[in-house]
Amino acid sequence: GEPIRRYPNHTLTPSKEPTVQMIPEKGETETPRHTSSANDSGTAEEDTTSSMTATSASSTCSSADGDCCAKNATDVPDIEDLHVQALQRGASSYKDPQTGFTCFTELLHLKRGTCCGNSCRHCPYGWEQVPGQSRPAKLRSGDYGTAQAMVQNIVNGRSHKNPPATIDTTEPAEEPAAHLQAKRSTDAAQHKTERSSSPSSSPSSSPSPSSSSSTTLSSAPAQKFTTEKNVPYTRGGDKGTSQLLTGERRRKDDCNFEALGCVDELCSVVGVVHAHLDENTDYGPLQDQLLDVMCRLFDVGSHVAKPRLAENVGKAFVANGVGDGIDETLTEHLEDWINGLTEALPELTSFILPTGAKAAAHLHIARTVCRRAERRMVPLVDERTCDPNALKYINRLSDYFFTAARWANYCEGREELQYQRQPHSTQRQRIARTLRKTDPKSS
């Protein structure tokens, strides 16, 4: 996501329409402050841009009293100027000078062809997929033909500020698959051209077999690659510190980063579970549930990376989709999922061993990592810098993973191995219970 900042001369807020903040009169001063909406950029550091907050689509940045915006208002560059300069370079992103966050340009959104629903700063689709919010649009989300024409305008150096005369409300001119195929072909041709024109790929630049070893050793260094695309490194965290979404820098072993890292790890484990689902097996709602869980873990990670500032301690957390709180109904959804899966499973009468299908075994790993994430979040809740609803969701999520592991074994017809106190030579035969999906009441 991309934070929507607040500057002395340029402001976008996640309201119905963009607003513009008046420039202070001559002689007046104003402390720069910045906030953000659900966005399409990451933080300035590797730890918070890892899969958790980079595009969490809900990563945020705010700083009370301008702690991370100490520059004088006159030193703050206009964000639209930075955006135009990035477009002139054909760049997909640029760095926000106030926070170091990487922000996506309109060019990147146009290449995607659709609104991602994250209230992005330079969204050309009028926030079409953002619930309850809108702003002037240059084209409809999914209008791939117009989007590609606008991409060509930018690439050819024409202004990005001239929207089409009318916005087409009909079906997209191109199907997404065709759009993606055309983009792949263009990228491949461009890459081939760049490689053929590269000095390192020219036959004449290669040392001949008869060249001496000294000539080979003293040859020019390997070509360095550069890109205008968004890259995951910033070098800002090379000294062991990282930046929270509040703009504050802390050591990477800080309790917030410990909790954030556990949530990030958990999200990745859930991704492994999803990858291990057998494509020939019908898992019912499990696949969609796992995808939703990964998205919600992005939300939890963004919230953990945005600890409540001291002056706001005691105020109610707000589940606004930008990291300021977690919706309590998310836990209720998990309970509904658990009830639905449990109803189809045989009655649980004993402790079971964390094994079976690959997906089931990895769901048990997810359960244990989830417990660790919960332990890391408890101190943050005690400090009242983290929403208790986030902790409640993570607590219930571990219960869901346990049930989902049983469900995965059930769907694949695997045996459920039960715990037995005393070892026995025929232990496996005595404690194995087959789960049959075709007969939910079997035991």
Protein backbone atom coordinates (compact mmCIF):
# COMPACT_ATOMS: atom_id res chain seq x y z
CA GLY A 1 0.00 0.00 0.00
CA GLU A 2 0.96 3.61 -0.30
CA PRO A 3 0.74 6.02 2.62
CA ILE A 4 -1.28 9.15 1.96
CA ARG A 5 0.77 11.86 3.63
CA ARG A 6 -0.16 15.22 4.97
CA TYR A 7 2.09 18.09 3.94
CA PRO A 8 1.86 21.88 4.26
CA ASN A 9 0.98 22.19 0.60
CA HIS A 10 -0.38 18.82 -0.42
CA THR A 11 -2.85 16.59 1.38
CA LEU A 12 -4.90 13.55 0.53
CA THR A 13 -6.97 11.94 3.23
CA PRO A 14 -9.01 8.75 3.05
CA SER A 15 -12.32 10.58 2.84
CA LYS A 16 -15.00 10.72 0.16
CA GLU A 17 -13.02 13.23 -1.88
CA PRO A 18 -9.40 14.39 -1.76
CA THR A 19 -8.82 17.55 0.22
CA VAL A 20 -6.14 20.19 -0.14
CA GLN A 21 -4.60 21.80 2.89
CA MET A 22 -4.06 25.53 2.61
CA ILE A 23 -0.50 26.82 2.56
CA PRO A 24 0.21 28.87 5.71
CA GLU A 25 0.31 32.61 5.23
CA LYS A 26 3.69 34.26 5.10
CA GLY A 27 5.14 34.48 8.56
CA GLU A 28 3.09 31.57 9.88
CA THR A 29 4.67 28.26 10.69
CA GLU A 30 3.27 24.81 10.79
CA THR A 31 4.77 21.57 12.00
CA PRO A 32 4.58 19.04 9.22
CA ARG A 33 2.59 15.92 10.08
CA HIS A 34 1.78 12.91 8.03
CA THR A 35 -0.74 10.11 8.14
CA SER A 36 -1.71 7.41 5.77
CA SER A 37 -4.43 5.15 4.53
CA ALA A 38 -4.32 1.56 3.49
CA ASN A 39 -1.65 1.77 0.94
CA ASP A 40 0.69 0.31 -1.65
CA SER A 41 4.14 1.09 -0.29
CA GLY A 42 6.39 -0.41 2.31
CA THR A 43 8.42 1.01 5.13
CA ALA A 44 12.00 2.11 4.70
CA GLU A 45 13.46 -1.04 6.19
CA GLU A 46 13.77 -4.66 5.28
CA ASP A 47 12.07 -6.02 8.39
CA THR A 48 8.85 -4.07 7.90
CA THR A 49 8.80 -4.47 4.13
CA SER A 50 9.01 -8.22 4.30
CA SER A 51 5.85 -9.84 3.11
CA MET A 52 4.03 -8.47 6.14
CA THR A 53 3.82 -4.70 5.79
CA ALA A 54 5.16 -3.92 2.37
CA THR A 55 1.98 -4.32 0.63
CA SER A 56 -0.16 -5.21 3.40
CA ALA A 57 -2.31 -3.19 1.80
CA SER A 58 -2.88 -1.79 5.18
CA SER A 59 0.55 -0.58 6.22
CA THR A 60 0.49 2.93 7.62
CA CYS A 61 2.55 5.80 8.85
CA SER A 62 1.71 8.53 11.31
CA SER A 63 3.73 10.67 13.63
CA ALA A 64 2.33 12.87 16.34
CA ASP A 65 3.96 16.23 16.95
CA GLY A 66 5.99 15.76 13.79
CA ASP A 67 8.61 13.57 15.50
CA CYS A 68 9.79 12.11 12.19
CA CYS A 69 9.09 15.29 10.21
CA ALA A 70 11.49 17.67 11.87
CA LYS A 71 12.26 19.58 8.71
CA ASN A 72 10.92 23.05 8.27
CA ALA A 73 7.72 23.19 6.22
CA THR A 74 9.50 25.04 3.45
CA ASP A 75 11.97 22.13 3.14
CA VAL A 76 9.26 19.57 2.41
CA PRO A 77 9.09 18.85 -1.34
CA ASP A 78 5.68 18.79 -2.93
CA ILE A 79 4.64 15.16 -3.28
CA GLU A 80 3.11 15.71 -6.71
CA ASP A 81 6.41 17.13 -7.97
CA LEU A 82 8.16 13.97 -6.79
CA HIS A 83 5.50 11.91 -8.52
CA VAL A 84 5.87 13.79 -11.81
CA GLN A 85 9.65 13.44 -11.69
CA ALA A 86 9.29 9.69 -11.15
CA LEU A 87 6.92 9.42 -14.11
CA GLN A 88 9.34 11.35 -16.30
CA ARG A 89 11.95 8.71 -15.49
CA GLY A 90 9.44 5.97 -16.26
CA ALA A 91 9.74 4.80 -12.65
CA SER A 92 7.25 2.54 -10.93
CA SER A 93 7.97 4.03 -7.51
CA TYR A 94 9.72 6.82 -5.64
CA LYS A 95 10.87 7.34 -2.07
CA ASP A 96 8.83 9.52 0.27
CA PRO A 97 11.41 11.94 1.74
CA GLN A 98 9.54 12.28 5.02
CA THR A 99 9.45 8.60 5.93
CA GLY A 100 11.69 6.78 3.49
CA PHE A 101 8.71 4.70 2.38
CA THR A 102 8.57 3.50 -1.21
CA CYS A 103 5.46 4.81 -2.97
CA PHE A 104 4.00 3.39 -6.17
CA THR A 105 3.45 5.76 -9.11
CA GLU A 106 0.41 6.01 -11.33
CA LEU A 107 2.41 4.17 -13.98
CA LEU A 108 2.52 1.01 -11.87
CA HIS A 109 -1.22 1.16 -11.17
CA LEU A 110 -1.94 1.56 -14.88
CA LYS A 111 0.26 -1.43 -15.72
CA ARG A 112 -1.76 -3.50 -13.26
CA GLY A 113 -4.99 -2.38 -14.91
CA THR A 114 -7.22 -2.61 -11.85
CA CYS A 115 -7.85 -0.84 -8.54
CA CYS A 116 -6.37 -2.83 -5.66
CA GLY A 117 -8.83 -1.34 -3.14
CA ASN A 118 -6.17 0.10 -0.84
CA SER A 119 -6.80 3.87 -1.16
CA CYS A 120 -3.51 4.37 -2.98
CA ARG A 121 -2.22 7.91 -3.26
CA HIS A 122 -1.83 7.90 -7.05
CA CYS A 123 -4.72 5.58 -7.91
CA PRO A 124 -6.09 6.55 -11.35
CA TYR A 125 -9.25 4.48 -10.86
CA GLY A 126 -10.90 6.80 -8.34
CA TRP A 127 -10.58 4.25 -5.53
CA GLU A 128 -13.23 2.22 -7.31
CA GLN A 129 -12.66 -0.86 -5.16
CA VAL A 130 -12.39 1.04 -1.85
CA PRO A 131 -15.60 0.49 0.16
CA GLY A 132 -17.42 3.72 0.93
CA GLN A 133 -14.76 5.97 -0.61
CA SER A 134 -14.23 7.57 -3.99
CA ARG A 135 -12.45 10.38 -5.79
CA PRO A 136 -12.23 11.64 -9.41
CA ALA A 137 -11.21 8.82 -11.75
CA LYS A 138 -9.24 8.87 -14.98
CA LEU A 139 -10.55 5.46 -16.09
CA ARG A 140 -12.52 2.49 -14.86
CA SER A 141 -10.84 -0.35 -13.02
CA GLY A 142 -10.40 -3.22 -15.48
CA ASP A 143 -10.32 -1.02 -18.59
CA TYR A 144 -7.06 -2.55 -19.78
CA GLY A 145 -7.17 -0.94 -23.22
CA THR A 146 -7.34 2.61 -21.86
CA ALA A 147 -4.82 1.76 -19.14
CA GLN A 148 -2.26 0.59 -21.69
CA ALA A 149 -2.85 3.69 -23.83
CA MET A 150 -2.16 5.86 -20.79
CA VAL A 151 0.97 3.82 -20.03
CA GLN A 152 2.22 4.57 -23.54
CA ASN A 153 1.48 8.28 -23.03
CA ILE A 154 3.66 8.30 -19.93
CA VAL A 155 6.41 6.24 -21.53
CA ASN A 156 6.41 8.55 -24.56
CA GLY A 157 6.79 11.59 -22.34
CA ARG A 158 3.27 12.94 -22.61
CA SER A 159 1.44 14.31 -19.59
CA HIS A 160 -0.22 11.89 -17.18
CA LYS A 161 -2.69 14.57 -16.10
CA ASN A 162 -4.90 14.33 -19.17
CA PRO A 163 -7.57 11.70 -18.54
CA PRO A 164 -9.71 10.30 -21.37
CA ALA A 165 -12.49 12.60 -22.54
CA THR A 166 -15.05 10.14 -21.19
CA ILE A 167 -14.77 7.17 -18.91
CA ASP A 168 -15.92 3.98 -20.59
CA THR A 169 -18.50 2.18 -18.44
CA THR A 170 -18.70 -0.85 -20.73
CA GLU A 171 -16.75 -4.06 -20.40
CA PRO A 172 -12.92 -3.79 -20.51
CA ALA A 173 -11.47 -3.51 -23.99
CA GLU A 174 -9.08 -6.39 -23.32
CA GLU A 175 -9.41 -9.47 -21.22
CA PRO A 176 -6.95 -9.66 -18.30
CA ALA A 177 -5.26 -12.76 -19.72
CA ALA A 178 -4.60 -11.05 -23.03
CA HIS A 179 -3.35 -7.96 -21.23
CA LEU A 180 -0.94 -9.98 -19.14
CA GLN A 181 0.30 -11.97 -22.13
CA ALA A 182 0.94 -8.77 -24.09
CA LYS A 183 2.83 -7.30 -21.14
CA ARG A 184 4.97 -10.42 -20.81
CA SER A 185 5.81 -10.33 -24.52
CA THR A 186 6.74 -6.65 -24.32
CA ASP A 187 8.91 -7.17 -21.24
CA ALA A 188 10.63 -10.17 -22.82
CA ALA A 189 11.37 -8.26 -26.03
CA GLN A 190 12.70 -5.29 -24.06
CA HIS A 191 14.90 -7.56 -21.93
CA LYS A 192 16.23 -9.28 -25.04
CA THR A 193 17.04 -5.92 -26.61
CA GLU A 194 18.83 -4.73 -23.47
CA ARG A 195 20.87 -7.93 -23.30
CA SER A 196 21.85 -7.75 -26.96
CA SER A 197 22.98 -4.14 -26.61
CA SER A 198 24.86 -4.81 -23.37
CA PRO A 199 28.66 -4.68 -23.71
CA SER A 200 28.93 -7.80 -21.57
CA SER A 201 26.82 -9.78 -24.06
CA SER A 202 28.78 -8.70 -27.13
CA PRO A 203 31.00 -11.42 -28.64
CA SER A 204 33.78 -8.91 -29.13
CA SER A 205 33.89 -8.20 -25.43
CA SER A 206 34.55 -11.83 -24.52
CA PRO A 207 38.22 -12.75 -23.96
CA SER A 208 39.61 -15.04 -26.65
CA PRO A 209 40.96 -18.45 -25.71
CA SER A 210 44.47 -17.23 -26.48
CA SER A 211 44.25 -14.34 -24.06
CA SER A 212 46.70 -14.46 -21.19
CA SER A 213 45.52 -15.07 -17.63
CA SER A 214 46.62 -11.57 -16.64
CA THR A 215 44.37 -10.10 -19.31
CA THR A 216 41.43 -12.15 -18.05
CA LEU A 217 41.99 -11.12 -14.43
CA SER A 218 42.27 -7.44 -15.29
CA SER A 219 39.13 -7.36 -17.44
CA ALA A 220 36.34 -4.89 -16.64
CA PRO A 221 34.09 -5.73 -13.67
CA ALA A 222 30.76 -7.42 -14.26
CA GLN A 223 27.92 -5.18 -15.39
CA LYS A 224 25.81 -3.68 -12.62
CA PHE A 225 22.07 -3.81 -13.12
CA THR A 226 19.77 -0.95 -12.21
CA THR A 227 15.99 -0.81 -12.22
CA GLU A 228 13.26 1.76 -11.75
CA LYS A 229 11.02 -0.93 -10.28
CA ASN A 230 10.36 -1.29 -6.59
CA VAL A 231 13.12 -3.31 -4.91
CA PRO A 232 12.96 -4.87 -1.41
CA TYR A 233 16.24 -3.41 -0.10
CA THR A 234 16.96 0.10 1.17
CA ARG A 235 20.23 -0.40 3.10
CA GLY A 236 18.67 1.67 5.89
CA GLY A 237 18.61 -1.27 8.28
CA ASP A 238 22.20 -2.36 7.84
CA LYS A 239 23.13 -1.06 11.29
CA GLY A 240 20.57 -3.11 13.17
CA THR A 241 17.69 -0.65 13.40
CA SER A 242 14.41 -0.47 11.55
CA GLN A 243 11.52 1.94 11.19
CA LEU A 244 8.03 1.42 12.50
CA LEU A 245 5.01 2.71 10.63
CA THR A 246 4.92 5.63 13.05
CA GLY A 247 8.24 6.82 11.64
CA GLU A 248 10.11 5.90 14.82
CA ARG A 249 13.34 3.94 14.51
CA ARG A 250 14.08 1.14 16.94
CA ARG A 251 16.53 -1.74 17.33
CA LYS A 252 15.53 -4.79 15.37
CA ASP A 253 15.32 -6.86 18.55
CA ASP A 254 12.66 -4.52 19.95
CA CYS A 255 9.52 -6.26 21.23
CA ASN A 256 7.41 -4.78 18.42
CA PHE A 257 9.70 -6.20 15.76
CA GLU A 258 9.80 -9.54 17.60
CA ALA A 259 6.00 -9.70 17.45
CA LEU A 260 5.91 -8.45 13.87
CA GLY A 261 8.47 -11.04 12.81
CA CYS A 262 6.42 -13.85 14.35
CA VAL A 263 3.26 -12.71 12.60
CA ASP A 264 5.19 -12.46 9.34
CA GLU A 265 6.62 -15.94 9.84
CA LEU A 266 3.15 -17.28 10.57
CA CYS A 267 1.80 -15.79 7.35
CA SER A 268 4.57 -17.52 5.40
CA VAL A 269 3.84 -20.86 7.07
CA VAL A 270 0.17 -20.52 6.09
CA GLY A 271 1.41 -19.92 2.54
CA VAL A 272 3.31 -23.21 2.73
CA VAL A 273 0.15 -24.95 3.92
CA HIS A 274 -1.78 -23.57 0.97
CA ALA A 275 0.96 -24.74 -1.40
CA HIS A 276 0.76 -28.28 0.04
CA LEU A 277 -2.97 -28.68 -0.61
CA ASP A 278 -3.49 -31.52 -3.07
CA GLU A 279 -5.00 -30.09 -6.27
CA ASN A 280 -6.93 -33.35 -6.77
CA THR A 281 -8.60 -33.18 -3.36
CA ASP A 282 -11.73 -31.23 -2.50
CA TYR A 283 -11.00 -29.35 0.72
CA GLY A 284 -14.28 -27.49 0.76
CA PRO A 285 -13.86 -23.96 2.21
CA LEU A 286 -10.30 -24.55 3.46
CA GLN A 287 -8.43 -22.99 0.52
CA ASP A 288 -10.37 -19.73 0.58
CA GLN A 289 -10.13 -19.60 4.37
CA LEU A 290 -6.34 -19.88 4.26
CA LEU A 291 -6.11 -17.05 1.72
CA ASP A 292 -8.28 -14.88 3.96
CA VAL A 293 -6.12 -15.72 6.98
CA MET A 294 -2.98 -14.57 5.15
CA CYS A 295 -4.67 -11.26 4.31
CA ARG A 296 -5.77 -10.77 7.91
CA LEU A 297 -2.26 -11.50 9.14
CA PHE A 298 -1.08 -8.67 6.91
CA ASP A 299 -3.59 -6.46 8.78
CA VAL A 300 -2.38 -7.67 12.18
CA GLY A 301 1.24 -7.10 11.12
CA SER A 302 0.48 -3.55 10.06
CA HIS A 303 -1.19 -2.90 13.39
CA VAL A 304 1.75 -4.32 15.35
CA ALA A 305 4.12 -2.17 13.27
CA LYS A 306 2.12 0.92 14.24
CA PRO A 307 2.19 0.98 18.04
CA ARG A 308 -0.03 3.51 19.72
CA LEU A 309 1.76 6.75 20.58
CA ALA A 310 1.98 7.80 24.23
CA GLU A 311 -0.51 10.65 23.91
CA ASN A 312 -3.12 8.26 22.49
CA VAL A 313 -2.82 5.54 25.14
CA GLY A 314 -6.22 5.00 26.71
CA LYS A 315 -8.20 5.98 23.62
CA ALA A 316 -10.31 3.40 21.85
CA PHE A 317 -8.68 1.46 19.01
CA VAL A 318 -10.37 2.04 15.67
CA ALA A 319 -10.52 -0.74 13.08
CA ASN A 320 -10.19 1.64 10.13
CA GLY A 321 -8.17 -0.61 7.84
CA VAL A 322 -5.01 1.45 8.18
CA GLY A 323 -3.38 -0.25 11.15
CA ASP A 324 -5.12 1.60 13.98
CA GLY A 325 -7.10 -1.39 15.23
CA ILE A 326 -8.49 -4.85 14.44
CA ASP A 327 -12.16 -5.60 13.83
CA GLU A 328 -13.51 -7.84 16.59
CA THR A 329 -15.81 -9.62 14.12
CA LEU A 330 -12.75 -11.31 12.59
CA THR A 331 -12.55 -13.55 15.65
CA GLU A 332 -16.24 -14.37 15.30
CA HIS A 333 -15.61 -15.46 11.71
CA LEU A 334 -12.89 -17.84 12.89
CA GLU A 335 -15.26 -19.36 15.42
CA ASP A 336 -17.85 -19.91 12.69
CA TRP A 337 -15.23 -21.64 10.55
CA ILE A 338 -14.15 -23.85 13.46
CA ASN A 339 -17.76 -24.82 14.20
CA GLY A 340 -18.45 -25.63 10.56
CA LEU A 341 -15.38 -27.87 10.14
CA THR A 342 -15.85 -29.56 13.51
CA GLU A 343 -19.44 -30.49 12.72
CA ALA A 344 -18.29 -32.71 9.82
CA LEU A 345 -15.44 -34.35 11.78
CA PRO A 346 -15.59 -37.36 14.09
CA GLU A 347 -15.85 -36.51 17.78
CA LEU A 348 -12.46 -35.69 19.32
CA THR A 349 -11.99 -38.06 22.27
CA SER A 350 -8.21 -38.10 22.73
CA PHE A 351 -5.04 -36.11 22.17
CA ILE A 352 -3.85 -36.54 18.60
CA LEU A 353 -0.35 -36.50 17.12
CA PRO A 354 0.56 -33.58 14.82
CA THR A 355 1.02 -35.61 11.64
CA GLY A 356 -0.80 -37.03 8.64
CA ALA A 357 -1.07 -35.25 5.31
CA LYS A 358 1.60 -32.69 4.43
CA ALA A 359 -0.90 -29.86 4.69
CA ALA A 360 -2.09 -31.16 8.07
CA ALA A 361 1.44 -31.41 9.46
CA HIS A 362 2.23 -27.87 8.33
CA LEU A 363 -1.03 -26.63 9.84
CA HIS A 364 0.24 -27.91 13.18
CA ILE A 365 3.46 -25.95 12.59
CA ALA A 366 1.30 -22.91 11.88
CA ARG A 367 -0.52 -23.55 15.17
CA THR A 368 2.70 -23.53 17.18
CA VAL A 369 4.11 -20.45 15.42
CA CYS A 370 0.76 -18.77 16.07
CA ARG A 371 1.13 -19.48 19.78
CA ARG A 372 4.58 -17.88 19.73
CA ALA A 373 3.20 -14.81 17.96
CA GLU A 374 0.54 -14.59 20.65
CA ARG A 375 3.18 -14.70 23.41
CA ARG A 376 5.13 -11.91 21.72
CA MET A 377 2.00 -9.74 21.46
CA VAL A 378 0.98 -10.03 25.11
CA PRO A 379 3.52 -7.39 26.34
CA LEU A 380 2.31 -4.97 23.66
CA VAL A 381 -1.29 -5.35 24.83
CA ASP A 382 -0.15 -4.91 28.44
CA GLU A 383 1.53 -1.65 27.39
CA ARG A 384 -1.79 -0.65 25.75
CA THR A 385 -0.02 0.02 22.46
CA CYS A 386 -1.69 -2.94 20.73
CA ASP A 387 -5.40 -3.63 20.25
CA PRO A 388 -6.62 -6.53 22.45
CA ASN A 389 -8.76 -7.61 19.49
CA ALA A 390 -5.54 -8.42 17.61
CA LEU A 391 -4.44 -10.71 20.43
CA LYS A 392 -7.88 -12.31 20.57
CA TYR A 393 -7.77 -13.01 16.83
CA ILE A 394 -4.33 -14.64 17.05
CA ASN A 395 -5.45 -16.73 20.02
CA ARG A 396 -8.50 -18.04 18.17
CA LEU A 397 -6.44 -18.54 15.01
CA SER A 398 -4.34 -21.24 16.67
CA ASP A 399 -7.54 -23.11 17.50
CA TYR A 400 -8.58 -22.79 13.87
CA PHE A 401 -5.25 -24.26 12.69
CA PHE A 402 -5.76 -27.29 14.95
CA THR A 403 -9.22 -27.90 13.52
CA ALA A 404 -8.03 -27.23 9.97
CA ALA A 405 -5.27 -29.83 10.40
CA ARG A 406 -7.87 -32.45 11.32
CA TRP A 407 -9.98 -31.29 8.39
CA ALA A 408 -7.08 -31.67 5.94
CA ASN A 409 -6.52 -35.26 7.11
CA TYR A 410 -10.24 -35.88 6.88
CA CYS A 411 -10.43 -34.59 3.30
CA GLU A 412 -7.49 -36.76 2.22
CA GLY A 413 -8.78 -39.85 4.06
CA ARG A 414 -5.69 -40.01 6.28
CA GLU A 415 -5.40 -41.75 9.60
CA GLU A 416 -5.60 -39.70 12.77
CA LEU A 417 -3.01 -40.97 15.24
CA GLN A 418 -3.92 -40.64 18.89
CA TYR A 419 -1.62 -40.16 21.85
CA GLN A 420 -1.00 -43.20 24.08
CA ARG A 421 0.62 -42.97 27.50
CA GLN A 422 2.65 -46.23 27.51
CA PRO A 423 4.71 -47.36 24.48
CA HIS A 424 3.71 -50.66 22.91
CA SER A 425 5.04 -52.69 20.02
CA THR A 426 1.67 -52.50 18.26
CA GLN A 427 0.98 -48.92 19.26
CA ARG A 428 0.26 -47.63 15.76
CA GLN A 429 -2.36 -50.27 15.09
CA ARG A 430 -4.09 -49.57 18.37
CA ILE A 431 -4.33 -45.77 18.15
CA ALA A 432 -4.83 -45.11 14.43
CA ARG A 433 -8.29 -43.92 13.43
CA THR A 434 -9.14 -43.39 9.77
CA LEU A 435 -11.02 -40.24 8.87
CA ARG A 436 -13.43 -40.87 6.01
CA LYS A 437 -14.80 -37.83 4.24
CA THR A 438 -17.53 -39.91 2.66
CA ASP A 439 -18.83 -40.88 6.09
CA PRO A 440 -18.56 -37.88 8.45
CA LYS A 441 -20.05 -39.88 11.36
CA SER A 442 -17.50 -42.70 11.21
CA SER A 443 -15.21 -43.06 14.17
